[in-house]
Every structure is written in C-alpha cells, then in structure tokens.
Amino acid sequence: MMKKIVCLAAASALMAMGSAFAQDTADKDRDVRKDNRDIRQDKKDLRRDRKDVREDKAALRKDQRELRREVKEGDKAGAAAERREVARDKADLRRDEKDVRRDRKDVRKDRRERNQDKKG
C-alpha cells in the first residue's frame, strides 16, 4: 500500500513539474513574439521618420534657394519671411532627426530583449 502511495505522489510531482516547464516555455515564446512585434513597429516608425527627414531637407533646400533669390533681388521683407521659414524648417529637421535616433535606440533595445528571451 505504501509503495502505491509513493508511486502516485512521484507521478503527480513529475506531472506538476512537466506542466510548469511547459508554461515557462510558452511564456518565453510569448515574450519573443511580443519583442518581434515591437521590433517591427519600431522599424516602421524608423522608416516613417527617415521619410520625414528627407522631406524636411528638401523643404529646407527650397527655402534656402528662395532666401538667396530674395536677398539677390533686394527684397528685405521677403528675405525676412524666408529666414523665418528656414528657421522653422531647421527646427523641424532637428526634431525628426531626434525621432530617428530614438527609434534606432528602441530597435536595438528590443533586439537585445528578444535575444535574452531566446537564451533565457
């Protein structure tokens, strides 16, 4: 009788350990999938921000050409307006470049977390 009880207890313990291991693995896989989703979203943000930077640089070049033309023609009021536009474009470009750096940092962080979850 005692032998049957010990065997039953051992079998129960093995089943509990097996299910705990299976849950741990499932949680780990879930973390990896979440990290992969985060990486994809960050890369999407990065592409969008790089596009914004390209557009800002094009707008800045255009406004600088217009400023040179206004100065050459001697239009002080027009030149002042173009200087304000150039300043706004530069500020916008700085903000977008900062977003690009932040998104790159997020991608690196998410990759590190994913790799730790895979090892873990």
PDB file of N, CA and C in Angstrom:
ATOM      1  N   MET A   1       0.818  -1.183   0.000  1.00  0.00           N
ATOM      2  CA  MET A   1       0.000   0.000   0.000  1.00  0.00           C
ATOM      3  C   MET A   1       0.873   1.261   0.000  1.00  0.00           C
ATOM      4  N   MET A   2       1.883   1.264   0.831  1.00  0.00           N
ATOM      5  CA  MET A   2       2.773   2.426   0.932  1.00  0.00           C
ATOM      6  C   MET A   2       3.507   2.668  -0.377  1.00  0.00           C
ATOM      7  N   LYS A   3       3.868   1.564  -1.044  1.00  0.00           N
ATOM      8  CA  LYS A   3       4.583   1.654  -2.307  1.00  0.00           C
ATOM      9  C   LYS A   3       3.700   2.324  -3.367  1.00  0.00           C
ATOM     10  N   LYS A   4       2.410   2.016  -3.383  1.00  0.00           N
ATOM     11  CA  LYS A   4       1.470   2.619  -4.328  1.00  0.00           C
ATOM     12  C   LYS A   4       1.316   4.117  -4.066  1.00  0.00           C
ATOM     13  N   ILE A   5       1.271   4.505  -2.822  1.00  0.00           N
ATOM     14  CA  ILE A   5       1.122   5.928  -2.456  1.00  0.00           C
ATOM     15  C   ILE A   5       2.360   6.716  -2.876  1.00  0.00           C
ATOM     16  N   VAL A   6       3.534   6.158  -2.645  1.00  0.00           N
ATOM     17  CA  VAL A   6       4.780   6.814  -3.020  1.00  0.00           C
ATOM     18  C   VAL A   6       4.862   6.957  -4.539  1.00  0.00           C
ATOM     19  N   CYS A   7       4.476   5.910  -5.255  1.00  0.00           N
ATOM     20  CA  CYS A   7       4.496   5.975  -6.727  1.00  0.00           C
ATOM     21  C   CYS A   7       3.504   7.017  -7.237  1.00  0.00           C
ATOM     22  N   LEU A   8       2.332   7.068  -6.635  1.00  0.00           N
ATOM     23  CA  LEU A   8       1.319   8.042  -7.028  1.00  0.00           C
ATOM     24  C   LEU A   8       1.807   9.473  -6.756  1.00  0.00           C
ATOM     25  N   ALA A   9       2.439   9.692  -5.619  1.00  0.00           N
ATOM     26  CA  ALA A   9       2.972  11.013  -5.276  1.00  0.00           C
ATOM     27  C   ALA A   9       4.095  11.409  -6.235  1.00  0.00           C
ATOM     28  N   ALA A  10       4.948  10.475  -6.583  1.00  0.00           N
ATOM     29  CA  ALA A  10       6.049  10.756  -7.504  1.00  0.00           C
ATOM     30  C   ALA A  10       5.512  11.089  -8.889  1.00  0.00           C
ATOM     31  N   ALA A  11       4.500  10.335  -9.330  1.00  0.00           N
ATOM     32  CA  ALA A  11       3.909  10.596 -10.643  1.00  0.00           C
ATOM     33  C   ALA A  11       3.247  11.983 -10.669  1.00  0.00           C
ATOM     34  N   SER A  12       2.574  12.318  -9.587  1.00  0.00           N
ATOM     35  CA  SER A  12       1.932  13.637  -9.501  1.00  0.00           C
ATOM     36  C   SER A  12       2.978  14.750  -9.533  1.00  0.00           C
ATOM     37  N   ALA A  13       4.067  14.534  -8.831  1.00  0.00           N
ATOM     38  CA  ALA A  13       5.129  15.544  -8.808  1.00  0.00           C
ATOM     39  C   ALA A  13       5.749  15.717 -10.194  1.00  0.00           C
ATOM     40  N   LEU A  14       5.965  14.622 -10.898  1.00  0.00           N
ATOM     41  CA  LEU A  14       6.515  14.710 -12.247  1.00  0.00           C
ATOM     42  C   LEU A  14       5.564  15.438 -13.194  1.00  0.00           C
ATOM     43  N   MET A  15       4.284  15.173 -13.078  1.00  0.00           N
ATOM     44  CA  MET A  15       3.299  15.854 -13.926  1.00  0.00           C
ATOM     45  C   MET A  15       3.273  17.350 -13.627  1.00  0.00           C
ATOM     46  N   ALA A  16       3.337  17.712 -12.356  1.00  0.00           N
ATOM     47  CA  ALA A  16       3.327  19.132 -11.984  1.00  0.00           C
ATOM     48  C   ALA A  16       4.571  19.832 -12.517  1.00  0.00           C
ATOM     49  N   MET A  17       5.716  19.171 -12.426  1.00  0.00           N
ATOM     50  CA  MET A  17       6.946  19.777 -12.934  1.00  0.00           C
ATOM     51  C   MET A  17       6.887  19.912 -14.445  1.00  0.00           C
ATOM     52  N   GLY A  18       6.341  18.928 -15.113  1.00  0.00           N
ATOM     53  CA  GLY A  18       6.229  18.986 -16.572  1.00  0.00           C
ATOM     54  C   GLY A  18       5.320  20.109 -17.023  1.00  0.00           C
ATOM     55  N   SER A  19       4.201  20.288 -16.344  1.00  0.00           N
ATOM     56  CA  SER A  19       3.291  21.361 -16.748  1.00  0.00           C
ATOM     57  C   SER A  19       3.888  22.732 -16.425  1.00  0.00           C
ATOM     58  N   ALA A  20       4.638  22.831 -15.339  1.00  0.00           N
ATOM     59  CA  ALA A  20       5.292  24.105 -15.016  1.00  0.00           C
ATOM     60  C   ALA A  20       6.349  24.433 -16.066  1.00  0.00           C
ATOM     61  N   PHE A  21       7.091  23.432 -16.510  1.00  0.00           N
ATOM     62  CA  PHE A  21       8.089  23.649 -17.554  1.00  0.00           C
ATOM     63  C   PHE A  21       7.422  24.074 -18.859  1.00  0.00           C
ATOM     64  N   ALA A  22       6.319  23.433 -19.197  1.00  0.00           N
ATOM     65  CA  ALA A  22       5.609  23.773 -20.440  1.00  0.00           C
ATOM     66  C   ALA A  22       5.087  25.203 -20.387  1.00  0.00           C
ATOM     67  N   GLN A  23       4.584  25.634 -19.244  1.00  0.00           N
ATOM     68  CA  GLN A  23       4.090  27.002 -19.123  1.00  0.00           C
ATOM     69  C   GLN A  23       5.232  28.000 -19.229  1.00  0.00           C
ATOM     70  N   ASP A  24       6.364  27.685 -18.643  1.00  0.00           N
ATOM     71  CA  ASP A  24       7.520  28.570 -18.713  1.00  0.00           C
ATOM     72  C   ASP A  24       7.964  28.751 -20.164  1.00  0.00           C
ATOM     73  N   THR A  25       7.992  27.673 -20.923  1.00  0.00           N
ATOM     74  CA  THR A  25       8.379  27.742 -22.328  1.00  0.00           C
ATOM     75  C   THR A  25       7.380  28.569 -23.120  1.00  0.00           C
ATOM     76  N   ALA A  26       6.091  28.384 -22.850  1.00  0.00           N
ATOM     77  CA  ALA A  26       5.061  29.156 -23.556  1.00  0.00           C
ATOM     78  C   ALA A  26       5.202  30.642 -23.249  1.00  0.00           C
ATOM     79  N   ASP A  27       5.481  30.967 -21.994  1.00  0.00           N
ATOM     80  CA  ASP A  27       5.665  32.378 -21.633  1.00  0.00           C
ATOM     81  C   ASP A  27       6.877  32.963 -22.349  1.00  0.00           C
ATOM     82  N   LYS A  28       7.936  32.170 -22.448  1.00  0.00           N
ATOM     83  CA  LYS A  28       9.148  32.632 -23.117  1.00  0.00           C
ATOM     84  C   LYS A  28       8.863  32.893 -24.598  1.00  0.00           C
ATOM     85  N   ASP A  29       8.126  31.986 -25.242  1.00  0.00           N
ATOM     86  CA  ASP A  29       7.773  32.165 -26.654  1.00  0.00           C
ATOM     87  C   ASP A  29       6.899  33.395 -26.836  1.00  0.00           C
ATOM     88  N   ARG A  30       6.007  33.614 -25.907  1.00  0.00           N
ATOM     89  CA  ARG A  30       5.123  34.780 -25.974  1.00  0.00           C
ATOM     90  C   ARG A  30       5.947  36.067 -25.881  1.00  0.00           C
ATOM     91  N   ASP A  31       6.957  36.072 -25.008  1.00  0.00           N
ATOM     92  CA  ASP A  31       7.823  37.243 -24.884  1.00  0.00           C
ATOM     93  C   ASP A  31       8.586  37.504 -26.173  1.00  0.00           C
ATOM     94  N   VAL A  32       9.075  36.450 -26.798  1.00  0.00           N
ATOM     95  CA  VAL A  32       9.826  36.597 -28.050  1.00  0.00           C
ATOM     96  C   VAL A  32       8.915  37.162 -29.131  1.00  0.00           C
ATOM     97  N   ARG A  33       7.693  36.650 -29.220  1.00  0.00           N
ATOM     98  CA  ARG A  33       6.750  37.157 -30.234  1.00  0.00           C
ATOM     99  C   ARG A  33       6.434  38.624 -29.990  1.00  0.00           C
ATOM    100  N   LYS A  34       6.260  38.988 -28.713  1.00  0.00           N
ATOM    101  CA  LYS A  34       5.977  40.394 -28.392  1.00  0.00           C
ATOM    102  C   LYS A  34       7.162  41.270 -28.778  1.00  0.00           C
ATOM    103  N   ASP A  35       8.372  40.806 -28.494  1.00  0.00           N
ATOM    104  CA  ASP A  35       9.564  41.577 -28.859  1.00  0.00           C
ATOM    105  C   ASP A  35       9.673  41.717 -30.372  1.00  0.00           C
ATOM    106  N   ASN A  36       9.335  40.660 -31.114  1.00  0.00           N
ATOM    107  CA  ASN A  36       9.367  40.753 -32.576  1.00  0.00           C
ATOM    108  C   ASN A  36       8.365  41.772 -33.089  1.00  0.00           C
ATOM    109  N   ARG A  37       7.184  41.816 -32.481  1.00  0.00           N
ATOM    110  CA  ARG A  37       6.180  42.826 -32.866  1.00  0.00           C
ATOM    111  C   ARG A  37       6.692  44.224 -32.571  1.00  0.00           C
ATOM    112  N   ASP A  38       7.332  44.389 -31.414  1.00  0.00           N
ATOM    113  CA  ASP A  38       7.893  45.696 -31.061  1.00  0.00           C
ATOM    114  C   ASP A  38       8.962  46.119 -32.059  1.00  0.00           C
ATOM    115  N   ILE A  39       9.793  45.184 -32.468  1.00  0.00           N
ATOM    116  CA  ILE A  39      10.856  45.495 -33.428  1.00  0.00           C
ATOM    117  C   ILE A  39      10.248  45.922 -34.757  1.00  0.00           C
ATOM    118  N   ARG A  40       9.237  45.181 -35.214  1.00  0.00           N
ATOM    119  CA  ARG A  40       8.596  45.548 -36.489  1.00  0.00           C
ATOM    120  C   ARG A  40       7.976  46.938 -36.409  1.00  0.00           C
ATOM    121  N   GLN A  41       7.317  47.249 -35.298  1.00  0.00           N
ATOM    122  CA  GLN A  41       6.691  48.565 -35.146  1.00  0.00           C
ATOM    123  C   GLN A  41       7.746  49.668 -35.103  1.00  0.00           C
ATOM    124  N   ASP A  42       8.841  49.418 -34.395  1.00  0.00           N
ATOM    125  CA  ASP A  42       9.910  50.415 -34.317  1.00  0.00           C
ATOM    126  C   ASP A  42      10.554  50.639 -35.683  1.00  0.00           C
ATOM    127  N   LYS A  43      10.717  49.561 -36.462  1.00  0.00           N
ATOM    128  CA  LYS A  43      11.285  49.719 -37.801  1.00  0.00           C
ATOM    129  C   LYS A  43      10.345  50.523 -38.694  1.00  0.00           C
ATOM    130  N   LYS A  44       9.053  50.299 -38.530  1.00  0.00           N
ATOM    131  CA  LYS A  44       8.060  51.063 -39.300  1.00  0.00           C
ATOM    132  C   LYS A  44       8.148  52.547 -38.929  1.00  0.00           C
ATOM    133  N   ASP A  45       8.241  52.827 -37.635  1.00  0.00           N
ATOM    134  CA  ASP A  45       8.401  54.220 -37.185  1.00  0.00           C
ATOM    135  C   ASP A  45       9.687  54.820 -37.733  1.00  0.00           C
ATOM    136  N   LEU A  46      10.735  54.034 -37.758  1.00  0.00           N
ATOM    137  CA  LEU A  46      12.029  54.499 -38.248  1.00  0.00           C
ATOM    138  C   LEU A  46      11.948  54.866 -39.730  1.00  0.00           C
ATOM    139  N   ARG A  47      11.287  54.023 -40.523  1.00  0.00           N
ATOM    140  CA  ARG A  47      11.125  54.334 -41.957  1.00  0.00           C
ATOM    141  C   ARG A  47      10.320  55.613 -42.142  1.00  0.00           C
ATOM    142  N   ARG A  48       9.267  55.770 -41.360  1.00  0.00           N
ATOM    143  CA  ARG A  48       8.428  56.970 -41.455  1.00  0.00           C
ATOM    144  C   ARG A  48       9.234  58.218 -41.076  1.00  0.00           C
ATOM    145  N   ASP A  49      10.029  58.116 -40.023  1.00  0.00           N
ATOM    146  CA  ASP A  49      10.828  59.265 -39.592  1.00  0.00           C
ATOM    147  C   ASP A  49      11.926  59.599 -40.601  1.00  0.00           C
ATOM    148  N   ARG A  50      12.523  58.576 -41.201  1.00  0.00           N
ATOM    149  CA  ARG A  50      13.542  58.848 -42.231  1.00  0.00           C
ATOM    150  C   ARG A  50      12.919  59.560 -43.429  1.00  0.00           C
ATOM    151  N   LYS A  51      11.706  59.175 -43.775  1.00  0.00           N
ATOM    152  CA  LYS A  51      10.999  59.851 -44.870  1.00  0.00           C
ATOM    153  C   LYS A  51      10.757  61.318 -44.499  1.00  0.00           C
ATOM    154  N   ASP A  52      10.340  61.559 -43.249  1.00  0.00           N
ATOM    155  CA  ASP A  52      10.126  62.938 -42.792  1.00  0.00           C
ATOM    156  C   ASP A  52      11.413  63.751 -42.883  1.00  0.00           C
ATOM    157  N   VAL A  53      12.536  63.135 -42.513  1.00  0.00           N
ATOM    158  CA  VAL A  53      13.826  63.836 -42.569  1.00  0.00           C
ATOM    159  C   VAL A  53      14.153  64.211 -44.016  1.00  0.00           C
ATOM    160  N   ARG A  54      13.944  63.265 -44.933  1.00  0.00           N
ATOM    161  CA  ARG A  54      14.208  63.575 -46.350  1.00  0.00           C
ATOM    162  C   ARG A  54      13.333  64.727 -46.836  1.00  0.00           C
ATOM    163  N   GLU A  55      12.053  64.702 -46.462  1.00  0.00           N
ATOM    164  CA  GLU A  55      11.143  65.769 -46.877  1.00  0.00           C
ATOM    165  C   GLU A  55      11.547  67.110 -46.263  1.00  0.00           C
ATOM    166  N   ASP A  56      11.973  67.084 -44.992  1.00  0.00           N
ATOM    167  CA  ASP A  56      12.401  68.316 -44.326  1.00  0.00           C
ATOM    168  C   ASP A  56      13.650  68.895 -44.988  1.00  0.00           C
ATOM    169  N   LYS A  57      14.572  68.020 -45.358  1.00  0.00           N
ATOM    170  CA  LYS A  57      15.788  68.501 -46.024  1.00  0.00           C
ATOM    171  C   LYS A  57      15.453  69.129 -47.371  1.00  0.00           C
ATOM    172  N   ALA A  58      14.522  68.529 -48.094  1.00  0.00           N
ATOM    173  CA  ALA A  58      14.115  69.087 -49.389  1.00  0.00           C
ATOM    174  C   ALA A  58      13.448  70.454 -49.198  1.00  0.00           C
ATOM    175  N   ALA A  59      12.580  70.572 -48.199  1.00  0.00           N
ATOM    176  CA  ALA A  59      11.917  71.849 -47.932  1.00  0.00           C
ATOM    177  C   ALA A  59      12.935  72.910 -47.516  1.00  0.00           C
ATOM    178  N   LEU A  60      13.928  72.500 -46.714  1.00  0.00           N
ATOM    179  CA  LEU A  60      14.968  73.424 -46.279  1.00  0.00           C
ATOM    180  C   LEU A  60      15.780  73.929 -47.469  1.00  0.00           C
ATOM    181  N   ARG A  61      16.163  73.023 -48.354  1.00  0.00           N
ATOM    182  CA  ARG A  61      16.917  73.443 -49.551  1.00  0.00           C
ATOM    183  C   ARG A  61      16.098  74.414 -50.396  1.00  0.00           C
ATOM    184  N   LYS A  62      14.822  74.141 -50.552  1.00  0.00           N
ATOM    185  CA  LYS A  62      13.948  75.014 -51.343  1.00  0.00           C
ATOM    186  C   LYS A  62      13.868  76.407 -50.715  1.00  0.00           C
ATOM    187  N   ASP A  63      13.649  76.453 -49.399  1.00  0.00           N
ATOM    188  CA  ASP A  63      13.550  77.748 -48.720  1.00  0.00           C
ATOM    189  C   ASP A  63      14.880  78.505 -48.759  1.00  0.00           C
ATOM    190  N   GLN A  64      15.988  77.786 -48.675  1.00  0.00           N
ATOM    191  CA  GLN A  64      17.285  78.458 -48.761  1.00  0.00           C
ATOM    192  C   GLN A  64      17.516  79.040 -50.156  1.00  0.00           C
ATOM    193  N   ARG A  65      17.079  78.319 -51.189  1.00  0.00           N
ATOM    194  CA  ARG A  65      17.168  78.874 -52.556  1.00  0.00           C
ATOM    195  C   ARG A  65      16.326  80.142 -52.682  1.00  0.00           C
ATOM    196  N   GLU A  66      15.110  80.089 -52.127  1.00  0.00           N
ATOM    197  CA  GLU A  66      14.238  81.263 -52.184  1.00  0.00           C
ATOM    198  C   GLU A  66      14.832  82.428 -51.405  1.00  0.00           C
ATOM    199  N   LEU A  67      15.464  82.130 -50.274  1.00  0.00           N
ATOM    200  CA  LEU A  67      16.106  83.177 -49.478  1.00  0.00           C
ATOM    201  C   LEU A  67      17.232  83.832 -50.277  1.00  0.00           C
ATOM    202  N   ARG A  68      18.064  83.017 -50.913  1.00  0.00           N
ATOM    203  CA  ARG A  68      19.140  83.592 -51.728  1.00  0.00           C
ATOM    204  C   ARG A  68      18.579  84.472 -52.852  1.00  0.00           C
ATOM    205  N   ARG A  69      17.486  84.013 -53.461  1.00  0.00           N
ATOM    206  CA  ARG A  69      16.876  84.786 -54.540  1.00  0.00           C
ATOM    207  C   ARG A  69      16.326  86.118 -54.009  1.00  0.00           C
ATOM    208  N   GLU A  70      15.672  86.072 -52.846  1.00  0.00           N
ATOM    209  CA  GLU A  70      15.118  87.299 -52.247  1.00  0.00           C
ATOM    210  C   GLU A  70      16.233  88.285 -51.903  1.00  0.00           C
ATOM    211  N   VAL A  71      17.321  87.775 -51.325  1.00  0.00           N
ATOM    212  CA  VAL A  71      18.448  88.644 -50.965  1.00  0.00           C
ATOM    213  C   VAL A  71      19.062  89.253 -52.231  1.00  0.00           C
ATOM    214  N   LYS A  72      19.215  88.440 -53.253  1.00  0.00           N
ATOM    215  CA  LYS A  72      19.795  88.908 -54.511  1.00  0.00           C
ATOM    216  C   LYS A  72      18.937  89.997 -55.141  1.00  0.00           C
ATOM    217  N   GLU A  73      17.608  89.849 -55.039  1.00  0.00           N
ATOM    218  CA  GLU A  73      16.700  90.841 -55.614  1.00  0.00           C
ATOM    219  C   GLU A  73      16.576  92.081 -54.735  1.00  0.00           C
ATOM    220  N   GLY A  74      17.016  91.990 -53.472  1.00  0.00           N
ATOM    221  CA  GLY A  74      16.963  93.140 -52.576  1.00  0.00           C
ATOM    222  C   GLY A  74      15.646  93.278 -51.832  1.00  0.00           C
ATOM    223  N   ASP A  75      14.824  92.258 -51.830  1.00  0.00           N
ATOM    224  CA  ASP A  75      13.525  92.275 -51.140  1.00  0.00           C
ATOM    225  C   ASP A  75      13.742  91.923 -49.669  1.00  0.00           C
ATOM    226  N   LYS A  76      13.828  92.948 -48.812  1.00  0.00           N
ATOM    227  CA  LYS A  76      14.136  92.722 -47.397  1.00  0.00           C
ATOM    228  C   LYS A  76      12.986  92.015 -46.671  1.00  0.00           C
ATOM    229  N   ALA A  77      11.760  92.409 -46.961  1.00  0.00           N
ATOM    230  CA  ALA A  77      10.615  91.784 -46.289  1.00  0.00           C
ATOM    231  C   ALA A  77      10.507  90.308 -46.689  1.00  0.00           C
ATOM    232  N   GLY A  78      10.672  90.032 -47.979  1.00  0.00           N
ATOM    233  CA  GLY A  78      10.630  88.651 -48.453  1.00  0.00           C
ATOM    234  C   GLY A  78      11.759  87.828 -47.873  1.00  0.00           C
ATOM    235  N   ALA A  79      12.936  88.420 -47.768  1.00  0.00           N
ATOM    236  CA  ALA A  79      14.088  87.719 -47.199  1.00  0.00           C
ATOM    237  C   ALA A  79      13.856  87.397 -45.723  1.00  0.00           C
ATOM    238  N   ALA A  80      13.241  88.344 -45.002  1.00  0.00           N
ATOM    239  CA  ALA A  80      12.956  88.110 -43.579  1.00  0.00           C
ATOM    240  C   ALA A  80      11.963  86.946 -43.418  1.00  0.00           C
ATOM    241  N   ALA A  81      10.962  86.922 -44.285  1.00  0.00           N
ATOM    242  CA  ALA A  81       9.984  85.833 -44.229  1.00  0.00           C
ATOM    243  C   ALA A  81      10.653  84.492 -44.547  1.00  0.00           C
ATOM    244  N   GLU A  82      11.531  84.483 -45.524  1.00  0.00           N
ATOM    245  CA  GLU A  82      12.229  83.252 -45.876  1.00  0.00           C
ATOM    246  C   GLU A  82      13.164  82.806 -44.752  1.00  0.00           C
ATOM    247  N   ARG A  83      13.780  83.760 -44.057  1.00  0.00           N
ATOM    248  CA  ARG A  83      14.648  83.393 -42.916  1.00  0.00           C
ATOM    249  C   ARG A  83      13.834  82.692 -41.833  1.00  0.00           C
ATOM    250  N   ARG A  84      12.610  83.204 -41.591  1.00  0.00           N
ATOM    251  CA  ARG A  84      11.744  82.561 -40.598  1.00  0.00           C
ATOM    252  C   ARG A  84      11.379  81.139 -41.041  1.00  0.00           C
ATOM    253  N   GLU A  85      11.088  80.976 -42.324  1.00  0.00           N
ATOM    254  CA  GLU A  85      10.757  79.642 -42.836  1.00  0.00           C
ATOM    255  C   GLU A  85      11.951  78.703 -42.731  1.00  0.00           C
ATOM    256  N   VAL A  86      13.145  79.208 -43.025  1.00  0.00           N
ATOM    257  CA  VAL A  86      14.349  78.389 -42.914  1.00  0.00           C
ATOM    258  C   VAL A  86      14.550  77.968 -41.457  1.00  0.00           C
ATOM    259  N   ALA A  87      14.336  78.881 -40.526  1.00  0.00           N
ATOM    260  CA  ALA A  87      14.492  78.559 -39.098  1.00  0.00           C
ATOM    261  C   ALA A  87      13.476  77.492 -38.677  1.00  0.00           C
ATOM    262  N   ARG A  88      12.227  77.611 -39.146  1.00  0.00           N
ATOM    263  CA  ARG A  88      11.208  76.609 -38.826  1.00  0.00           C
ATOM    264  C   ARG A  88      11.576  75.248 -39.418  1.00  0.00           C
ATOM    265  N   ASP A  89      12.067  75.267 -40.655  1.00  0.00           N
ATOM    266  CA  ASP A  89      12.452  74.009 -41.295  1.00  0.00           C
ATOM    267  C   ASP A  89      13.618  73.343 -40.556  1.00  0.00           C
ATOM    268  N   LYS A  90      14.576  74.144 -40.104  1.00  0.00           N
ATOM    269  CA  LYS A  90      15.712  73.574 -39.360  1.00  0.00           C
ATOM    270  C   LYS A  90      15.250  72.962 -38.038  1.00  0.00           C
ATOM    271  N   ALA A  91      14.334  73.650 -37.350  1.00  0.00           N
ATOM    272  CA  ALA A  91      13.820  73.120 -36.079  1.00  0.00           C
ATOM    273  C   ALA A  91      13.065  71.805 -36.319  1.00  0.00           C
ATOM    274  N   ASP A  92      12.259  71.767 -37.375  1.00  0.00           N
ATOM    275  CA  ASP A  92      11.518  70.551 -37.703  1.00  0.00           C
ATOM    276  C   ASP A  92      12.474  69.415 -38.054  1.00  0.00           C
ATOM    277  N   LEU A  93      13.525  69.736 -38.793  1.00  0.00           N
ATOM    278  CA  LEU A  93      14.522  68.734 -39.156  1.00  0.00           C
ATOM    279  C   LEU A  93      15.208  68.178 -37.912  1.00  0.00           C
ATOM    280  N   ARG A  94      15.558  69.041 -36.964  1.00  0.00           N
ATOM    281  CA  ARG A  94      16.190  68.578 -35.718  1.00  0.00           C
ATOM    282  C   ARG A  94      15.258  67.641 -34.948  1.00  0.00           C
ATOM    283  N   ARG A  95      13.968  67.999 -34.874  1.00  0.00           N
ATOM    284  CA  ARG A  95      13.008  67.137 -34.171  1.00  0.00           C
ATOM    285  C   ARG A  95      12.913  65.767 -34.838  1.00  0.00           C
ATOM    286  N   ASP A  96      12.836  65.757 -36.158  1.00  0.00           N
ATOM    287  CA  ASP A  96      12.712  64.483 -36.869  1.00  0.00           C
ATOM    288  C   ASP A  96      13.985  63.648 -36.752  1.00  0.00           C
ATOM    289  N   GLU A  97      15.146  64.286 -36.780  1.00  0.00           N
ATOM    290  CA  GLU A  97      16.390  63.540 -36.592  1.00  0.00           C
ATOM    291  C   GLU A  97      16.474  62.953 -35.186  1.00  0.00           C
ATOM    292  N   LYS A  98      15.955  63.676 -34.219  1.00  0.00           N
ATOM    293  CA  LYS A  98      15.916  63.164 -32.847  1.00  0.00           C
ATOM    294  C   LYS A  98      14.999  61.941 -32.767  1.00  0.00           C
ATOM    295  N   ASP A  99      13.866  61.983 -33.480  1.00  0.00           N
ATOM    296  CA  ASP A  99      12.967  60.828 -33.526  1.00  0.00           C
ATOM    297  C   ASP A  99      13.661  59.623 -34.153  1.00  0.00           C
ATOM    298  N   VAL A 100      14.446  59.849 -35.192  1.00  0.00           N
ATOM    299  CA  VAL A 100      15.165  58.750 -35.843  1.00  0.00           C
ATOM    300  C   VAL A 100      16.134  58.119 -34.858  1.00  0.00           C
ATOM    301  N   ARG A 101      16.875  58.945 -34.128  1.00  0.00           N
ATOM    302  CA  ARG A 101      17.826  58.400 -33.139  1.00  0.00           C
ATOM    303  C   ARG A 101      17.094  57.607 -32.055  1.00  0.00           C
ATOM    304  N   ARG A 102      15.958  58.126 -31.590  1.00  0.00           N
ATOM    305  CA  ARG A 102      15.190  57.447 -30.547  1.00  0.00           C
ATOM    306  C   ARG A 102      14.665  56.098 -31.067  1.00  0.00           C
ATOM    307  N   ASP A 103      14.184  56.069 -32.304  1.00  0.00           N
ATOM    308  CA  ASP A 103      13.674  54.816 -32.863  1.00  0.00           C
ATOM    309  C   ASP A 103      14.791  53.797 -33.071  1.00  0.00           C
ATOM    310  N   ARG A 104      15.967  54.245 -33.490  1.00  0.00           N
ATOM    311  CA  ARG A 104      17.105  53.329 -33.616  1.00  0.00           C
ATOM    312  C   ARG A 104      17.448  52.717 -32.264  1.00  0.00           C
ATOM    313  N   LYS A 105      17.415  53.541 -31.240  1.00  0.00           N
ATOM    314  CA  LYS A 105      17.714  53.068 -29.890  1.00  0.00           C
ATOM    315  C   LYS A 105      16.663  52.039 -29.448  1.00  0.00           C
ATOM    316  N   ASP A 106      15.391  52.295 -29.770  1.00  0.00           N
ATOM    317  CA  ASP A 106      14.324  51.358 -29.410  1.00  0.00           C
ATOM    318  C   ASP A 106      14.508  50.015 -30.117  1.00  0.00           C
ATOM    319  N   VAL A 107      14.886  50.050 -31.386  1.00  0.00           N
ATOM    320  CA  VAL A 107      15.096  48.806 -32.133  1.00  0.00           C
ATOM    321  C   VAL A 107      16.223  48.003 -31.498  1.00  0.00           C
ATOM    322  N   ARG A 108      17.328  48.673 -31.167  1.00  0.00           N
ATOM    323  CA  ARG A 108      18.450  47.963 -30.539  1.00  0.00           C
ATOM    324  C   ARG A 108      18.038  47.352 -29.204  1.00  0.00           C
ATOM    325  N   LYS A 109      17.278  48.112 -28.422  1.00  0.00           N
ATOM    326  CA  LYS A 109      16.837  47.630 -27.111  1.00  0.00           C
ATOM    327  C   LYS A 109      15.924  46.410 -27.267  1.00  0.00           C
ATOM    328  N   ASP A 110      14.973  46.491 -28.201  1.00  0.00           N
ATOM    329  CA  ASP A 110      14.064  45.372 -28.409  1.00  0.00           C
ATOM    330  C   ASP A 110      14.801  44.134 -28.909  1.00  0.00           C
ATOM    331  N   ARG A 111      15.799  44.318 -29.759  1.00  0.00           N
ATOM    332  CA  ARG A 111      16.586  43.172 -30.235  1.00  0.00           C
ATOM    333  C   ARG A 111      17.339  42.514 -29.083  1.00  0.00           C
ATOM    334  N   ARG A 112      17.918  43.350 -28.210  1.00  0.00           N
ATOM    335  CA  ARG A 112      18.632  42.788 -27.052  1.00  0.00           C
ATOM    336  C   ARG A 112      17.672  41.986 -26.187  1.00  0.00           C
ATOM    337  N   GLU A 113      16.472  42.545 -25.922  1.00  0.00           N
ATOM    338  CA  GLU A 113      15.495  41.843 -25.084  1.00  0.00           C
ATOM    339  C   GLU A 113      15.064  40.532 -25.731  1.00  0.00           C
ATOM    340  N   ARG A 114      14.849  40.563 -27.058  1.00  0.00           N
ATOM    341  CA  ARG A 114      14.446  39.347 -27.753  1.00  0.00           C
ATOM    342  C   ARG A 114      15.527  38.286 -27.643  1.00  0.00           C
ATOM    343  N   ASN A 115      16.773  38.672 -27.813  1.00  0.00           N
ATOM    344  CA  ASN A 115      17.871  37.718 -27.733  1.00  0.00           C
ATOM    345  C   ASN A 115      18.011  37.157 -26.331  1.00  0.00           C
ATOM    346  N   GLN A 116      17.776  37.979 -25.311  1.00  0.00           N
ATOM    347  CA  GLN A 116      17.823  37.477 -23.937  1.00  0.00           C
ATOM    348  C   GLN A 116      16.678  36.506 -23.686  1.00  0.00           C
ATOM    349  N   ASP A 117      15.493  36.800 -24.254  1.00  0.00           N
ATOM    350  CA  ASP A 117      14.357  35.899 -24.069  1.00  0.00           C
ATOM    351  C   ASP A 117      14.616  34.562 -24.764  1.00  0.00           C
ATOM    352  N   LYS A 118      15.263  34.586 -25.906  1.00  0.00           N
ATOM    353  CA  LYS A 118      15.571  33.343 -26.611  1.00  0.00           C
ATOM    354  C   LYS A 118      16.556  32.503 -25.813  1.00  0.00           C
ATOM    355  N   LYS A 119      17.550  33.169 -25.197  1.00  0.00           N
ATOM    356  CA  LYS A 119      18.560  32.443 -24.408  1.00  0.00           C
ATOM    357  C   LYS A 119      17.961  31.936 -23.105  1.00  0.00           C
ATOM    358  N   GLY A 120      17.188  32.848 -22.474  1.00  0.00           N
ATOM    359  CA  GLY A 120      16.720  32.710 -21.141  1.00  0.00           C
ATOM    360  C   GLY A 120      16.145  31.524 -20.619  1.00  0.00           C
TER     361      GLY A 120
END
